N, C-alpha and C. Protein backbone atom coordinates (compact mmCIF):
# COMPACT_ATOMS: atom_id res chain seq x y z
N MET A 1 22.54 61.33 80.55
CA MET A 1 23.40 61.17 79.40
C MET A 1 24.57 60.26 79.76
N SER A 2 24.88 59.31 78.93
CA SER A 2 25.92 58.33 79.17
C SER A 2 27.30 58.92 78.85
N ASP A 3 28.29 58.51 79.61
CA ASP A 3 29.67 58.93 79.41
C ASP A 3 30.48 57.66 79.19
N SER A 4 31.08 57.49 78.02
CA SER A 4 31.76 56.24 77.69
C SER A 4 32.94 55.96 78.62
N VAL A 5 33.64 56.99 79.07
CA VAL A 5 34.78 56.78 79.97
C VAL A 5 34.28 56.32 81.34
N VAL A 6 33.28 57.01 81.87
CA VAL A 6 32.73 56.63 83.17
C VAL A 6 32.13 55.23 83.09
N ASP A 7 31.39 54.95 82.03
CA ASP A 7 30.80 53.62 81.86
C ASP A 7 31.88 52.54 81.78
N PHE A 8 32.96 52.81 81.08
CA PHE A 8 34.08 51.87 80.98
C PHE A 8 34.69 51.65 82.36
N TYR A 9 34.91 52.73 83.09
CA TYR A 9 35.53 52.61 84.41
C TYR A 9 34.60 52.00 85.45
N CYS A 10 33.31 52.08 85.24
CA CYS A 10 32.35 51.44 86.15
C CYS A 10 32.06 49.98 85.76
N GLY A 11 32.59 49.54 84.64
CA GLY A 11 32.36 48.18 84.20
C GLY A 11 31.03 47.98 83.49
N VAL A 12 30.37 49.07 83.13
CA VAL A 12 29.08 49.00 82.45
C VAL A 12 29.28 48.60 80.99
N THR A 13 30.34 49.13 80.37
CA THR A 13 30.63 48.83 78.97
C THR A 13 32.11 48.51 78.81
N GLY A 14 32.41 47.92 77.67
CA GLY A 14 33.80 47.67 77.31
C GLY A 14 34.29 48.76 76.39
N ASP A 15 35.50 48.57 75.90
CA ASP A 15 36.05 49.52 74.93
C ASP A 15 35.43 49.26 73.56
N HIS A 16 35.97 49.85 72.52
CA HIS A 16 35.40 49.70 71.18
C HIS A 16 35.47 48.27 70.65
N ARG A 17 36.24 47.41 71.28
CA ARG A 17 36.31 46.00 70.91
C ARG A 17 35.57 45.11 71.92
N GLY A 18 34.90 45.75 72.89
CA GLY A 18 34.16 45.00 73.89
C GLY A 18 34.99 44.49 75.05
N ARG A 19 36.24 44.91 75.14
CA ARG A 19 37.12 44.46 76.23
C ARG A 19 36.87 45.30 77.47
N SER A 20 36.72 44.64 78.60
CA SER A 20 36.52 45.37 79.85
C SER A 20 37.87 45.87 80.37
N ARG A 21 37.79 46.84 81.26
CA ARG A 21 39.01 47.35 81.90
C ARG A 21 39.70 46.22 82.66
N GLU A 22 38.92 45.41 83.37
CA GLU A 22 39.49 44.31 84.14
C GLU A 22 40.21 43.31 83.24
N GLU A 23 39.64 43.04 82.08
CA GLU A 23 40.28 42.14 81.12
C GLU A 23 41.62 42.71 80.68
N ILE A 24 41.63 43.97 80.31
CA ILE A 24 42.86 44.62 79.86
C ILE A 24 43.92 44.59 80.95
N LEU A 25 43.51 44.89 82.18
CA LEU A 25 44.47 44.91 83.29
C LEU A 25 45.06 43.53 83.57
N SER A 26 44.37 42.48 83.15
CA SER A 26 44.86 41.12 83.39
C SER A 26 45.84 40.63 82.31
N TRP A 27 46.01 41.42 81.27
CA TRP A 27 46.89 41.01 80.18
C TRP A 27 48.34 40.88 80.65
N SER A 28 49.08 40.05 79.97
CA SER A 28 50.52 39.92 80.22
C SER A 28 51.23 41.19 79.73
N ASP A 29 52.45 41.36 80.19
CA ASP A 29 53.25 42.49 79.71
C ASP A 29 53.46 42.41 78.20
N ASP A 30 53.66 41.21 77.69
CA ASP A 30 53.85 41.05 76.24
C ASP A 30 52.62 41.52 75.47
N ARG A 31 51.44 41.19 75.98
CA ARG A 31 50.23 41.62 75.28
C ARG A 31 50.05 43.14 75.39
N LEU A 32 50.34 43.70 76.56
CA LEU A 32 50.26 45.16 76.70
C LEU A 32 51.20 45.85 75.72
N GLU A 33 52.35 45.25 75.48
CA GLU A 33 53.31 45.83 74.55
C GLU A 33 52.81 45.71 73.11
N ALA A 34 52.20 44.59 72.79
CA ALA A 34 51.82 44.31 71.40
C ALA A 34 50.54 45.01 70.95
N VAL A 35 49.61 45.25 71.87
CA VAL A 35 48.32 45.84 71.52
C VAL A 35 48.41 47.35 71.72
N HIS A 36 47.91 48.10 70.75
CA HIS A 36 48.10 49.55 70.79
C HIS A 36 46.82 50.37 70.90
N ASP A 37 45.67 49.72 71.00
CA ASP A 37 44.42 50.49 71.02
C ASP A 37 43.68 50.44 72.35
N PHE A 38 44.38 50.07 73.42
CA PHE A 38 43.75 50.02 74.75
C PHE A 38 44.10 51.22 75.61
N ILE A 39 45.29 51.76 75.40
CA ILE A 39 45.81 52.79 76.31
C ILE A 39 44.93 54.04 76.30
N GLN A 40 44.29 54.32 75.17
CA GLN A 40 43.42 55.49 75.06
C GLN A 40 42.15 55.32 75.88
N TRP A 41 41.78 54.08 76.17
CA TRP A 41 40.61 53.80 77.01
C TRP A 41 40.99 53.84 78.49
N LEU A 42 42.15 53.28 78.82
CA LEU A 42 42.59 53.31 80.21
C LEU A 42 42.93 54.73 80.66
N PHE A 43 43.49 55.52 79.74
CA PHE A 43 43.94 56.87 80.08
C PHE A 43 43.48 57.85 78.99
N PRO A 44 42.19 58.17 79.00
CA PRO A 44 41.67 59.07 77.96
C PRO A 44 42.16 60.51 78.16
N LEU A 45 42.14 61.26 77.08
CA LEU A 45 42.54 62.66 77.10
C LEU A 45 41.44 63.51 76.46
N PRO A 46 41.49 64.82 76.66
CA PRO A 46 40.51 65.71 76.00
C PRO A 46 40.69 65.78 74.48
N GLU A 47 41.91 65.45 74.00
CA GLU A 47 42.21 65.52 72.58
C GLU A 47 41.98 64.16 71.93
N ALA A 48 41.52 64.20 70.68
CA ALA A 48 41.32 62.96 69.93
C ALA A 48 42.66 62.26 69.70
N SER A 49 42.62 60.95 69.73
CA SER A 49 43.81 60.15 69.48
C SER A 49 44.07 60.09 67.98
N PRO A 50 45.30 60.36 67.56
CA PRO A 50 45.61 60.26 66.13
C PRO A 50 45.72 58.81 65.65
N VAL A 51 45.82 57.87 66.58
CA VAL A 51 46.00 56.46 66.20
C VAL A 51 44.79 55.59 66.49
N ASN A 52 43.86 56.07 67.28
CA ASN A 52 42.68 55.27 67.62
C ASN A 52 41.43 56.14 67.48
N PRO A 53 40.78 56.08 66.34
CA PRO A 53 39.59 56.93 66.13
C PRO A 53 38.41 56.55 67.02
N TYR A 54 38.48 55.39 67.67
CA TYR A 54 37.40 54.94 68.55
C TYR A 54 37.62 55.32 70.01
N ALA A 55 38.73 55.99 70.28
CA ALA A 55 39.07 56.34 71.66
C ALA A 55 38.10 57.39 72.20
N PRO A 56 37.68 57.21 73.44
CA PRO A 56 36.80 58.20 74.06
C PRO A 56 37.58 59.44 74.44
N LEU A 57 36.85 60.52 74.67
CA LEU A 57 37.48 61.77 75.07
C LEU A 57 37.10 62.13 76.49
N LEU A 58 38.04 62.74 77.19
CA LEU A 58 37.75 63.31 78.50
C LEU A 58 37.03 64.64 78.27
N THR A 59 35.84 64.75 78.79
CA THR A 59 35.09 66.00 78.74
C THR A 59 35.17 66.67 80.11
N ARG A 60 34.69 67.89 80.20
CA ARG A 60 34.63 68.55 81.51
C ARG A 60 33.79 67.72 82.48
N GLU A 61 32.71 67.14 81.97
CA GLU A 61 31.83 66.34 82.81
C GLU A 61 32.54 65.06 83.29
N THR A 62 33.32 64.45 82.40
CA THR A 62 34.06 63.25 82.78
C THR A 62 35.10 63.59 83.85
N ILE A 63 35.82 64.66 83.63
CA ILE A 63 36.83 65.08 84.60
C ILE A 63 36.17 65.37 85.94
N SER A 64 35.05 66.04 85.92
CA SER A 64 34.31 66.32 87.16
C SER A 64 33.89 65.04 87.85
N ALA A 65 33.44 64.05 87.08
CA ALA A 65 33.02 62.77 87.67
C ALA A 65 34.19 62.11 88.39
N PHE A 66 35.37 62.14 87.80
CA PHE A 66 36.53 61.53 88.45
C PHE A 66 36.92 62.30 89.71
N HIS A 67 36.76 63.60 89.69
CA HIS A 67 37.11 64.40 90.87
C HIS A 67 36.10 64.20 92.01
N THR A 68 34.87 63.89 91.69
CA THR A 68 33.84 63.80 92.73
C THR A 68 33.52 62.36 93.13
N ARG A 69 34.00 61.39 92.38
CA ARG A 69 33.66 60.00 92.67
C ARG A 69 34.94 59.21 93.00
N PRO A 70 35.15 58.94 94.27
CA PRO A 70 36.38 58.24 94.67
C PRO A 70 36.53 56.86 94.04
N GLU A 71 35.43 56.19 93.73
CA GLU A 71 35.55 54.86 93.14
C GLU A 71 36.13 54.92 91.73
N LEU A 72 35.86 56.01 91.02
CA LEU A 72 36.46 56.18 89.69
C LEU A 72 37.97 56.42 89.82
N ARG A 73 38.35 57.25 90.77
CA ARG A 73 39.79 57.50 90.98
C ARG A 73 40.49 56.21 91.43
N ALA A 74 39.83 55.42 92.27
CA ALA A 74 40.43 54.16 92.72
C ALA A 74 40.63 53.21 91.54
N SER A 75 39.68 53.16 90.64
CA SER A 75 39.82 52.31 89.45
C SER A 75 40.92 52.83 88.53
N LEU A 76 40.99 54.14 88.38
CA LEU A 76 42.06 54.73 87.58
C LEU A 76 43.42 54.43 88.20
N ARG A 77 43.48 54.48 89.51
CA ARG A 77 44.75 54.17 90.19
C ARG A 77 45.15 52.72 89.93
N GLU A 78 44.19 51.81 89.89
CA GLU A 78 44.49 50.41 89.55
C GLU A 78 45.09 50.33 88.14
N SER A 79 44.52 51.09 87.21
CA SER A 79 45.06 51.12 85.85
C SER A 79 46.49 51.65 85.86
N LEU A 80 46.72 52.71 86.61
CA LEU A 80 48.06 53.28 86.73
C LEU A 80 49.02 52.25 87.32
N GLU A 81 48.61 51.58 88.37
CA GLU A 81 49.49 50.59 89.00
C GLU A 81 49.85 49.47 88.04
N ARG A 82 48.89 49.05 87.21
CA ARG A 82 49.19 47.99 86.24
C ARG A 82 50.22 48.47 85.22
N MET A 83 50.05 49.69 84.73
CA MET A 83 51.00 50.19 83.75
C MET A 83 52.37 50.44 84.39
N LEU A 84 52.40 50.86 85.63
CA LEU A 84 53.69 51.01 86.30
C LEU A 84 54.39 49.66 86.39
N ARG A 85 53.65 48.60 86.71
CA ARG A 85 54.27 47.26 86.74
C ARG A 85 54.82 46.90 85.36
N PHE A 86 54.08 47.26 84.32
CA PHE A 86 54.56 47.03 82.96
C PHE A 86 55.92 47.69 82.74
N TYR A 87 56.11 48.86 83.30
CA TYR A 87 57.38 49.59 83.16
C TYR A 87 58.44 49.17 84.19
N GLY A 88 58.09 48.24 85.08
CA GLY A 88 59.03 47.81 86.10
C GLY A 88 59.10 48.76 87.28
N LEU A 89 57.97 49.39 87.57
CA LEU A 89 57.89 50.36 88.67
C LEU A 89 56.76 49.97 89.62
N GLU A 90 56.80 50.53 90.81
CA GLU A 90 55.76 50.28 91.82
C GLU A 90 55.30 51.60 92.41
N LEU A 91 54.02 51.68 92.72
CA LEU A 91 53.45 52.82 93.43
C LEU A 91 53.35 52.45 94.89
N ARG A 92 53.92 53.28 95.74
CA ARG A 92 53.87 53.05 97.19
C ARG A 92 53.18 54.22 97.87
N ASP A 93 52.57 53.93 99.00
CA ASP A 93 51.94 54.97 99.81
C ASP A 93 52.76 55.22 101.07
N ASP A 94 52.56 56.41 101.61
CA ASP A 94 53.09 56.78 102.94
C ASP A 94 54.60 56.66 103.05
N PRO A 95 55.37 57.48 102.39
CA PRO A 95 54.93 58.57 101.52
C PRO A 95 54.60 58.05 100.12
N LEU A 96 53.78 58.79 99.43
CA LEU A 96 53.42 58.45 98.07
C LEU A 96 54.66 58.58 97.20
N GLU A 97 55.03 57.48 96.53
CA GLU A 97 56.19 57.51 95.66
C GLU A 97 56.10 56.38 94.64
N VAL A 98 56.78 56.55 93.56
CA VAL A 98 56.95 55.50 92.55
C VAL A 98 58.41 55.09 92.62
N ILE A 99 58.64 53.79 92.75
CA ILE A 99 60.00 53.30 92.88
C ILE A 99 60.25 52.17 91.87
N PRO A 100 61.51 51.95 91.51
CA PRO A 100 61.82 50.82 90.64
C PRO A 100 61.51 49.50 91.36
N ALA A 101 60.90 48.58 90.63
CA ALA A 101 60.62 47.25 91.16
C ALA A 101 61.84 46.35 90.94
N GLU A 102 61.78 45.16 91.48
CA GLU A 102 62.90 44.23 91.33
C GLU A 102 63.20 43.92 89.87
N ASN A 103 62.17 43.94 89.02
CA ASN A 103 62.35 43.61 87.61
C ASN A 103 62.56 44.85 86.73
N PHE A 104 62.91 45.97 87.33
CA PHE A 104 63.02 47.21 86.57
C PHE A 104 63.97 47.09 85.37
N ARG A 105 65.16 46.57 85.57
CA ARG A 105 66.13 46.49 84.48
C ARG A 105 65.60 45.61 83.34
N ASP A 106 64.96 44.51 83.68
CA ASP A 106 64.38 43.65 82.64
C ASP A 106 63.28 44.38 81.88
N ARG A 107 62.39 45.05 82.59
CA ARG A 107 61.29 45.75 81.94
C ARG A 107 61.80 46.97 81.17
N ALA A 108 62.80 47.65 81.69
CA ALA A 108 63.35 48.83 81.03
C ALA A 108 63.88 48.49 79.64
N ALA A 109 64.36 47.29 79.47
CA ALA A 109 64.88 46.88 78.16
C ALA A 109 63.80 46.94 77.08
N ASP A 110 62.54 46.84 77.47
CA ASP A 110 61.44 46.87 76.51
C ASP A 110 60.93 48.27 76.18
N TRP A 111 61.25 49.27 77.01
CA TRP A 111 60.65 50.59 76.76
C TRP A 111 61.59 51.77 76.91
N LEU A 112 62.72 51.56 77.51
CA LEU A 112 63.57 52.70 77.85
C LEU A 112 64.61 52.94 76.76
N ASP A 113 64.12 53.44 75.62
CA ASP A 113 64.96 53.81 74.49
C ASP A 113 64.36 55.05 73.85
N PRO A 114 65.20 55.95 73.33
CA PRO A 114 64.68 57.16 72.69
C PRO A 114 63.71 56.81 71.56
N GLY A 115 62.59 57.51 71.53
CA GLY A 115 61.61 57.31 70.47
C GLY A 115 60.70 56.12 70.65
N ASN A 116 60.85 55.38 71.73
CA ASN A 116 59.98 54.23 71.96
C ASN A 116 58.54 54.70 72.13
N HIS A 117 57.59 53.97 71.55
CA HIS A 117 56.18 54.37 71.62
C HIS A 117 55.66 54.43 73.06
N ASN A 118 56.31 53.74 73.98
CA ASN A 118 55.87 53.80 75.38
C ASN A 118 56.10 55.18 75.99
N HIS A 119 56.98 55.96 75.43
CA HIS A 119 57.17 57.33 75.93
C HIS A 119 55.91 58.15 75.67
N LEU A 120 55.26 57.90 74.53
CA LEU A 120 53.97 58.56 74.25
C LEU A 120 52.90 58.06 75.21
N ARG A 121 52.91 56.78 75.47
CA ARG A 121 51.96 56.22 76.44
C ARG A 121 52.14 56.88 77.81
N ILE A 122 53.39 57.04 78.21
CA ILE A 122 53.66 57.66 79.51
C ILE A 122 53.14 59.09 79.54
N THR A 123 53.33 59.83 78.46
CA THR A 123 52.79 61.19 78.39
C THR A 123 51.28 61.16 78.62
N ARG A 124 50.60 60.26 77.94
CA ARG A 124 49.15 60.10 78.06
C ARG A 124 48.76 59.75 79.51
N ILE A 125 49.47 58.81 80.11
CA ILE A 125 49.18 58.40 81.48
C ILE A 125 49.33 59.57 82.43
N LEU A 126 50.45 60.27 82.33
CA LEU A 126 50.70 61.42 83.21
C LEU A 126 49.60 62.48 83.08
N LYS A 127 49.26 62.82 81.84
CA LYS A 127 48.27 63.87 81.62
C LYS A 127 46.89 63.45 82.11
N CYS A 128 46.48 62.23 81.79
CA CYS A 128 45.17 61.76 82.25
C CYS A 128 45.09 61.78 83.77
N CYS A 129 46.10 61.25 84.42
CA CYS A 129 46.09 61.21 85.89
C CYS A 129 46.05 62.62 86.47
N ALA A 130 46.83 63.53 85.90
CA ALA A 130 46.86 64.90 86.40
C ALA A 130 45.50 65.58 86.25
N LEU A 131 44.79 65.27 85.18
CA LEU A 131 43.49 65.90 84.92
C LEU A 131 42.35 65.31 85.75
N THR A 132 42.48 64.06 86.13
CA THR A 132 41.35 63.35 86.73
C THR A 132 41.46 63.12 88.24
N GLY A 133 42.35 63.82 88.88
CA GLY A 133 42.41 63.76 90.33
C GLY A 133 43.52 62.90 90.91
N LEU A 134 44.36 62.33 90.06
CA LEU A 134 45.52 61.59 90.55
C LEU A 134 46.79 62.39 90.29
N ASP A 135 46.70 63.69 90.55
CA ASP A 135 47.86 64.55 90.28
C ASP A 135 49.05 64.20 91.16
N ALA A 136 48.83 63.80 92.40
CA ALA A 136 49.96 63.43 93.27
C ALA A 136 50.65 62.18 92.73
N GLU A 137 49.88 61.24 92.24
CA GLU A 137 50.45 60.04 91.66
C GLU A 137 51.21 60.37 90.38
N ALA A 138 50.65 61.26 89.56
CA ALA A 138 51.33 61.68 88.34
C ALA A 138 52.66 62.35 88.67
N ARG A 139 52.67 63.20 89.68
CA ARG A 139 53.92 63.87 90.07
C ARG A 139 54.95 62.87 90.61
N ALA A 140 54.49 61.87 91.36
CA ALA A 140 55.41 60.84 91.87
C ALA A 140 56.02 60.05 90.71
N PHE A 141 55.20 59.74 89.72
CA PHE A 141 55.69 59.04 88.53
C PHE A 141 56.70 59.91 87.80
N LEU A 142 56.38 61.17 87.61
CA LEU A 142 57.28 62.10 86.94
C LEU A 142 58.61 62.22 87.67
N GLU A 143 58.57 62.30 88.99
CA GLU A 143 59.82 62.40 89.77
C GLU A 143 60.72 61.20 89.51
N THR A 144 60.12 60.03 89.43
CA THR A 144 60.90 58.82 89.18
C THR A 144 61.45 58.81 87.76
N LEU A 145 60.63 59.23 86.81
CA LEU A 145 61.11 59.32 85.42
C LEU A 145 62.29 60.29 85.33
N GLU A 146 62.20 61.40 86.04
CA GLU A 146 63.32 62.36 86.04
C GLU A 146 64.56 61.74 86.68
N ALA A 147 64.37 60.99 87.77
CA ALA A 147 65.51 60.34 88.42
C ALA A 147 66.15 59.31 87.48
N ILE A 148 65.33 58.58 86.74
CA ILE A 148 65.86 57.63 85.75
C ILE A 148 66.66 58.40 84.69
N PHE A 149 66.10 59.49 84.21
CA PHE A 149 66.76 60.32 83.21
C PHE A 149 68.13 60.81 83.71
N ARG A 150 68.23 61.11 84.98
CA ARG A 150 69.46 61.69 85.54
C ARG A 150 70.52 60.64 85.88
N THR A 151 70.16 59.36 85.88
CA THR A 151 71.17 58.35 86.19
C THR A 151 72.08 58.15 84.99
N LYS A 152 73.33 57.90 85.27
CA LYS A 152 74.31 57.74 84.20
C LYS A 152 73.94 56.58 83.28
N GLU A 153 73.47 55.49 83.85
CA GLU A 153 73.14 54.29 83.07
C GLU A 153 72.04 54.55 82.03
N PHE A 154 71.07 55.38 82.37
CA PHE A 154 69.91 55.58 81.50
C PHE A 154 69.84 56.97 80.87
N ARG A 155 70.86 57.79 81.08
CA ARG A 155 70.85 59.19 80.63
C ARG A 155 70.53 59.33 79.14
N THR A 156 71.04 58.44 78.33
CA THR A 156 70.84 58.56 76.89
C THR A 156 69.57 57.85 76.40
N ARG A 157 68.82 57.27 77.30
CA ARG A 157 67.65 56.48 76.89
C ARG A 157 66.34 57.26 76.95
N ILE A 158 66.39 58.43 77.53
CA ILE A 158 65.25 59.35 77.53
C ILE A 158 65.80 60.68 77.03
N THR A 159 65.18 61.25 76.03
CA THR A 159 65.67 62.52 75.51
C THR A 159 65.17 63.67 76.39
N LYS A 160 65.88 64.78 76.32
CA LYS A 160 65.45 65.98 77.04
C LYS A 160 64.08 66.43 76.56
N GLU A 161 63.83 66.29 75.26
CA GLU A 161 62.52 66.67 74.70
C GLU A 161 61.40 65.83 75.31
N THR A 162 61.65 64.55 75.45
CA THR A 162 60.64 63.67 76.06
C THR A 162 60.38 64.09 77.49
N LEU A 163 61.43 64.35 78.23
CA LEU A 163 61.25 64.78 79.62
C LEU A 163 60.44 66.07 79.69
N LEU A 164 60.68 66.98 78.76
CA LEU A 164 59.90 68.23 78.73
C LEU A 164 58.42 67.96 78.44
N TYR A 165 58.13 67.02 77.55
CA TYR A 165 56.73 66.62 77.30
C TYR A 165 56.10 66.07 78.57
N TRP A 166 56.85 65.27 79.30
CA TRP A 166 56.31 64.69 80.53
C TRP A 166 56.03 65.77 81.56
N TYR A 167 56.92 66.75 81.66
CA TYR A 167 56.65 67.88 82.57
C TYR A 167 55.39 68.63 82.14
N GLY A 168 55.26 68.87 80.86
CA GLY A 168 54.09 69.56 80.35
C GLY A 168 52.80 68.80 80.58
N ALA A 169 52.88 67.47 80.55
CA ALA A 169 51.70 66.65 80.77
C ALA A 169 51.16 66.78 82.19
N VAL A 170 52.07 66.93 83.13
CA VAL A 170 51.66 67.04 84.54
C VAL A 170 51.27 68.47 84.87
N GLY A 171 51.79 69.41 84.11
CA GLY A 171 51.41 70.82 84.33
C GLY A 171 52.18 71.43 85.40
């Protein structure tokens, strides 16, 4: 039986518009900001998307595949790294951490405001990663988001409610 998420992550199929994961990851930051129907493919969830009826769902079988197949987790990590760059962040190893990149302040101007749709994207990213075996990466991302929230400069740009959603997404 075919799994649309696994097939997408293996490069067997594209999304509902025929776009491959590699194509999406190559998009500019401006295109990632402007297009709204890709994030559900890069970071699927068990719940249906209210904005993209063509979005695939994470099933128990899909989650199991990500936990047992390191190549799927590696591809998901590539997707995570691309979205972190979009937000002006970097994923580092040893120790595993997410840190602000040199362009953080420039990138933050595009997403770091209360009610910005990217906050929903971040919730989706955190939850997908936590469910599919990148829980350490999700926690590192969450720690950085919390640190951003706690800085005086950005304190009013993330609401407490949003931060609580992000905590809930990681579990």
